[in-house]
């Protein structure tokens, strides 16, 4: 493939929008993904095994595995916020009008 055949398109701030999800679904998925990434970073910063993280959060090891591998459909925003709170992390919500 030469460079003339390659077309690069600038993505938006939300990869789920870019993938064609409905606006309400893409917002929900983006929020869950952000929360999951923060939890994963927390666990990694502690150097914990999945078993240790499971004990800390009161979850099972397979559930932590789902978190670490980004199985986004297996978590609600509510559950993720509770886990972040247990980790001592503050969660803030910001709402504003979309740019046109």
N, C-alpha and C. Protein backbone atom coordinates (compact mmCIF):
# COMPACT_ATOMS: atom_id res chain seq x y z
N UNK A 1 0.85 -1.18 0.00
CA UNK A 1 0.00 0.00 0.00
C UNK A 1 0.89 1.24 0.00
N UNK A 2 0.66 2.16 -0.92
CA UNK A 2 1.43 3.39 -0.91
C UNK A 2 0.68 4.48 -0.17
N UNK A 3 1.34 5.60 0.04
CA UNK A 3 0.75 6.67 0.85
C UNK A 3 -0.50 7.27 0.24
N UNK A 4 -0.65 7.22 -1.08
CA UNK A 4 -1.83 7.79 -1.71
C UNK A 4 -3.09 7.01 -1.36
N UNK A 5 -2.97 5.74 -1.02
CA UNK A 5 -4.12 4.91 -0.68
C UNK A 5 -4.51 5.04 0.80
N UNK A 6 -3.61 5.55 1.61
CA UNK A 6 -3.84 5.65 3.05
C UNK A 6 -4.59 6.93 3.38
N UNK A 7 -5.73 6.79 4.04
CA UNK A 7 -6.51 7.95 4.46
C UNK A 7 -6.61 7.93 5.98
N UNK A 8 -6.17 8.98 6.62
CA UNK A 8 -6.23 9.11 8.07
C UNK A 8 -7.31 10.11 8.42
N UNK A 9 -8.18 9.71 9.34
CA UNK A 9 -9.26 10.58 9.78
C UNK A 9 -9.06 10.91 11.25
N UNK A 10 -9.12 12.19 11.57
CA UNK A 10 -8.98 12.63 12.96
C UNK A 10 -10.20 12.17 13.75
N UNK A 11 -9.97 11.52 14.86
CA UNK A 11 -11.06 11.07 15.71
C UNK A 11 -11.57 12.18 16.61
N UNK A 12 -12.67 11.89 17.27
CA UNK A 12 -13.23 12.85 18.22
C UNK A 12 -12.64 12.58 19.61
N UNK A 13 -13.17 13.23 20.61
CA UNK A 13 -12.74 13.01 21.98
C UNK A 13 -13.29 11.71 22.56
N UNK A 14 -14.22 11.09 21.83
CA UNK A 14 -14.88 9.87 22.32
C UNK A 14 -14.80 8.79 21.25
N UNK A 15 -13.97 7.81 21.47
CA UNK A 15 -13.79 6.73 20.50
C UNK A 15 -15.10 5.99 20.24
N UNK A 16 -15.99 5.96 21.22
CA UNK A 16 -17.26 5.26 21.05
C UNK A 16 -18.17 6.00 20.07
N UNK A 17 -18.09 7.34 20.03
CA UNK A 17 -18.78 8.11 18.99
C UNK A 17 -18.22 7.72 17.63
N UNK A 18 -16.90 7.67 17.56
CA UNK A 18 -16.22 7.35 16.30
C UNK A 18 -16.60 5.96 15.79
N UNK A 19 -16.91 5.05 16.70
CA UNK A 19 -17.27 3.69 16.32
C UNK A 19 -18.75 3.55 15.94
N UNK A 20 -19.50 4.64 16.08
CA UNK A 20 -20.88 4.63 15.64
C UNK A 20 -21.92 4.31 16.68
N UNK A 21 -21.54 4.32 17.96
CA UNK A 21 -22.53 4.09 19.01
C UNK A 21 -23.47 5.28 19.09
N UNK A 22 -24.70 5.03 19.53
CA UNK A 22 -25.66 6.11 19.76
C UNK A 22 -25.08 7.06 20.80
N UNK A 23 -25.40 8.35 20.71
CA UNK A 23 -24.81 9.34 21.64
C UNK A 23 -24.94 8.96 23.11
N UNK A 24 -26.11 8.50 23.54
CA UNK A 24 -26.28 8.16 24.96
C UNK A 24 -25.45 6.94 25.34
N UNK A 25 -25.31 6.00 24.43
CA UNK A 25 -24.49 4.82 24.70
C UNK A 25 -23.01 5.17 24.71
N UNK A 26 -22.59 6.02 23.80
CA UNK A 26 -21.17 6.37 23.74
C UNK A 26 -20.74 7.16 24.98
N UNK A 27 -21.62 8.00 25.50
CA UNK A 27 -21.30 8.73 26.74
C UNK A 27 -21.14 7.77 27.90
N UNK A 28 -22.07 6.83 28.01
CA UNK A 28 -22.02 5.85 29.09
C UNK A 28 -20.76 5.01 29.00
N UNK A 29 -20.42 4.55 27.81
CA UNK A 29 -19.23 3.72 27.62
C UNK A 29 -17.95 4.50 27.91
N UNK A 30 -17.91 5.76 27.50
CA UNK A 30 -16.72 6.57 27.76
C UNK A 30 -16.51 6.78 29.26
N UNK A 31 -17.59 7.05 29.96
CA UNK A 31 -17.49 7.24 31.42
C UNK A 31 -17.02 5.96 32.08
N UNK A 32 -17.61 4.83 31.71
CA UNK A 32 -17.18 3.55 32.30
C UNK A 32 -15.72 3.25 31.98
N UNK A 33 -15.31 3.50 30.75
CA UNK A 33 -13.92 3.25 30.36
C UNK A 33 -12.97 4.11 31.19
N UNK A 34 -13.30 5.38 31.38
CA UNK A 34 -12.45 6.27 32.18
C UNK A 34 -12.34 5.78 33.62
N UNK A 35 -13.47 5.39 34.21
CA UNK A 35 -13.47 4.90 35.58
C UNK A 35 -12.67 3.61 35.70
N UNK A 36 -12.83 2.72 34.73
CA UNK A 36 -12.10 1.45 34.75
C UNK A 36 -10.59 1.68 34.63
N UNK A 37 -10.20 2.61 33.78
CA UNK A 37 -8.77 2.91 33.62
C UNK A 37 -8.18 3.45 34.92
N UNK A 38 -8.94 4.26 35.63
CA UNK A 38 -8.46 4.78 36.92
C UNK A 38 -8.31 3.66 37.94
N UNK A 39 -9.26 2.75 37.97
CA UNK A 39 -9.16 1.62 38.89
C UNK A 39 -7.97 0.72 38.53
N UNK A 40 -7.81 0.46 37.26
CA UNK A 40 -6.68 -0.37 36.82
C UNK A 40 -5.35 0.28 37.19
N UNK A 41 -5.26 1.58 36.99
CA UNK A 41 -4.03 2.30 37.36
C UNK A 41 -3.77 2.22 38.86
N UNK A 42 -4.83 2.34 39.65
CA UNK A 42 -4.70 2.24 41.10
C UNK A 42 -4.15 0.87 41.49
N UNK A 43 -4.73 -0.18 40.95
CA UNK A 43 -4.31 -1.55 41.27
C UNK A 43 -2.85 -1.76 40.86
N UNK A 44 -2.50 -1.30 39.66
CA UNK A 44 -1.13 -1.46 39.18
C UNK A 44 -0.14 -0.66 40.02
N UNK A 45 -0.55 0.53 40.47
CA UNK A 45 0.34 1.37 41.28
C UNK A 45 0.64 0.71 42.63
N UNK A 46 -0.28 -0.10 43.11
CA UNK A 46 -0.08 -0.82 44.36
C UNK A 46 0.75 -2.08 44.17
N UNK A 47 0.90 -2.51 42.91
CA UNK A 47 1.63 -3.73 42.64
C UNK A 47 0.88 -4.99 43.06
N UNK A 48 -0.44 -4.87 43.15
CA UNK A 48 -1.26 -5.96 43.62
C UNK A 48 -1.48 -7.03 42.56
N UNK A 49 -1.61 -8.25 43.00
CA UNK A 49 -2.11 -9.32 42.15
C UNK A 49 -3.62 -9.13 42.04
N UNK A 50 -4.21 -9.84 41.11
CA UNK A 50 -5.67 -9.78 40.99
C UNK A 50 -6.32 -10.33 42.26
N UNK A 51 -5.71 -11.32 42.87
CA UNK A 51 -6.27 -11.88 44.11
C UNK A 51 -6.24 -10.85 45.24
N UNK A 52 -5.13 -10.14 45.37
CA UNK A 52 -5.02 -9.10 46.41
C UNK A 52 -6.03 -7.99 46.16
N UNK A 53 -6.18 -7.58 44.91
CA UNK A 53 -7.16 -6.54 44.58
C UNK A 53 -8.57 -7.03 44.88
N UNK A 54 -8.83 -8.29 44.58
CA UNK A 54 -10.15 -8.86 44.86
C UNK A 54 -10.46 -8.81 46.35
N UNK A 55 -9.48 -9.14 47.18
CA UNK A 55 -9.67 -9.09 48.63
C UNK A 55 -9.95 -7.66 49.08
N UNK A 56 -9.19 -6.71 48.57
CA UNK A 56 -9.36 -5.31 48.95
C UNK A 56 -10.75 -4.79 48.59
N UNK A 57 -11.20 -5.11 47.38
CA UNK A 57 -12.48 -4.59 46.90
C UNK A 57 -13.68 -5.46 47.27
N UNK A 58 -13.42 -6.62 47.89
CA UNK A 58 -14.52 -7.52 48.23
C UNK A 58 -15.15 -8.14 46.99
N UNK A 59 -14.32 -8.40 46.01
CA UNK A 59 -14.77 -8.98 44.74
C UNK A 59 -14.08 -10.33 44.55
N UNK A 60 -14.44 -11.00 43.48
CA UNK A 60 -13.76 -12.24 43.13
C UNK A 60 -12.59 -11.93 42.19
N UNK A 61 -11.64 -12.84 42.13
CA UNK A 61 -10.51 -12.66 41.22
C UNK A 61 -10.98 -12.58 39.76
N UNK A 62 -11.93 -13.43 39.32
CA UNK A 62 -12.39 -13.29 37.93
C UNK A 62 -13.02 -11.92 37.63
N UNK A 63 -13.66 -11.34 38.63
CA UNK A 63 -14.26 -10.01 38.46
C UNK A 63 -13.15 -8.96 38.28
N UNK A 64 -12.08 -9.07 39.04
CA UNK A 64 -10.95 -8.16 38.87
C UNK A 64 -10.29 -8.39 37.52
N UNK A 65 -10.23 -9.63 37.08
CA UNK A 65 -9.71 -9.93 35.75
C UNK A 65 -10.54 -9.22 34.68
N UNK A 66 -11.85 -9.23 34.83
CA UNK A 66 -12.72 -8.52 33.90
C UNK A 66 -12.38 -7.03 33.87
N UNK A 67 -12.13 -6.47 35.04
CA UNK A 67 -11.75 -5.06 35.13
C UNK A 67 -10.42 -4.80 34.43
N UNK A 68 -9.44 -5.63 34.71
CA UNK A 68 -8.09 -5.42 34.17
C UNK A 68 -8.03 -5.62 32.65
N UNK A 69 -8.92 -6.44 32.12
CA UNK A 69 -8.93 -6.67 30.68
C UNK A 69 -9.93 -5.77 29.95
N UNK A 70 -10.59 -4.89 30.70
CA UNK A 70 -11.47 -3.91 30.08
C UNK A 70 -12.81 -4.45 29.61
N UNK A 71 -13.32 -5.46 30.28
CA UNK A 71 -14.62 -6.02 29.92
C UNK A 71 -15.71 -5.05 30.40
N UNK A 72 -15.90 -4.01 29.61
CA UNK A 72 -16.69 -2.85 30.00
C UNK A 72 -18.16 -3.16 30.27
N UNK A 73 -18.71 -4.14 29.59
CA UNK A 73 -20.12 -4.47 29.76
C UNK A 73 -20.44 -5.13 31.09
N UNK A 74 -19.43 -5.59 31.80
CA UNK A 74 -19.65 -6.31 33.06
C UNK A 74 -19.72 -5.39 34.28
N UNK A 75 -19.59 -4.07 34.05
CA UNK A 75 -19.57 -3.13 35.16
C UNK A 75 -20.56 -2.00 34.93
N UNK A 76 -21.19 -1.57 36.01
CA UNK A 76 -22.04 -0.38 35.96
C UNK A 76 -21.21 0.81 36.46
N UNK A 77 -21.65 1.98 36.10
CA UNK A 77 -20.99 3.18 36.60
C UNK A 77 -21.06 3.21 38.12
N UNK A 78 -22.21 2.84 38.67
CA UNK A 78 -22.41 2.81 40.12
C UNK A 78 -21.37 1.92 40.80
N UNK A 79 -21.17 0.72 40.27
CA UNK A 79 -20.21 -0.22 40.85
C UNK A 79 -18.79 0.35 40.79
N UNK A 80 -18.45 0.93 39.67
CA UNK A 80 -17.10 1.49 39.51
C UNK A 80 -16.85 2.66 40.46
N UNK A 81 -17.85 3.50 40.66
CA UNK A 81 -17.72 4.63 41.59
C UNK A 81 -17.53 4.10 43.01
N UNK A 82 -18.25 3.07 43.38
CA UNK A 82 -18.10 2.49 44.72
C UNK A 82 -16.69 1.92 44.91
N UNK A 83 -16.17 1.27 43.89
CA UNK A 83 -14.82 0.71 43.99
C UNK A 83 -13.78 1.82 44.10
N UNK A 84 -13.94 2.89 43.32
CA UNK A 84 -13.01 4.02 43.39
C UNK A 84 -13.06 4.68 44.76
N UNK A 85 -14.25 4.80 45.31
CA UNK A 85 -14.41 5.38 46.64
C UNK A 85 -13.71 4.52 47.68
N UNK A 86 -13.86 3.22 47.57
CA UNK A 86 -13.19 2.30 48.50
C UNK A 86 -11.67 2.45 48.43
N UNK A 87 -11.19 2.79 47.24
CA UNK A 87 -9.75 2.98 47.03
C UNK A 87 -9.29 4.35 47.53
N UNK A 88 -10.23 5.16 48.00
CA UNK A 88 -9.87 6.48 48.50
C UNK A 88 -9.71 7.52 47.40
N UNK A 89 -10.27 7.23 46.25
CA UNK A 89 -10.17 8.14 45.12
C UNK A 89 -11.46 8.94 45.00
N UNK A 90 -11.32 10.21 44.69
CA UNK A 90 -12.47 11.09 44.53
C UNK A 90 -12.96 11.02 43.09
N UNK A 91 -14.27 10.92 42.93
CA UNK A 91 -14.89 10.93 41.61
C UNK A 91 -15.68 12.22 41.48
N UNK A 92 -15.41 12.97 40.43
CA UNK A 92 -16.14 14.21 40.16
C UNK A 92 -16.90 14.08 38.86
N UNK A 93 -18.09 14.67 38.80
CA UNK A 93 -18.90 14.66 37.59
C UNK A 93 -18.99 16.07 37.09
N UNK A 94 -18.80 16.23 35.79
CA UNK A 94 -18.89 17.54 35.17
C UNK A 94 -19.91 17.45 34.05
N UNK A 95 -20.81 18.41 33.99
CA UNK A 95 -21.82 18.43 32.95
C UNK A 95 -21.76 19.77 32.25
N UNK A 96 -21.83 19.76 30.96
CA UNK A 96 -21.81 21.00 30.19
C UNK A 96 -22.44 20.78 28.83
N UNK A 97 -22.66 21.86 28.13
CA UNK A 97 -23.22 21.77 26.78
C UNK A 97 -22.15 21.32 25.81
N UNK A 98 -22.56 20.49 24.86
CA UNK A 98 -21.64 20.03 23.82
C UNK A 98 -21.33 21.18 22.89
N UNK A 99 -20.10 21.20 22.40
CA UNK A 99 -19.75 22.19 21.38
C UNK A 99 -20.45 21.81 20.09
N UNK A 100 -20.89 22.80 19.36
CA UNK A 100 -21.63 22.55 18.11
C UNK A 100 -20.73 22.01 17.02
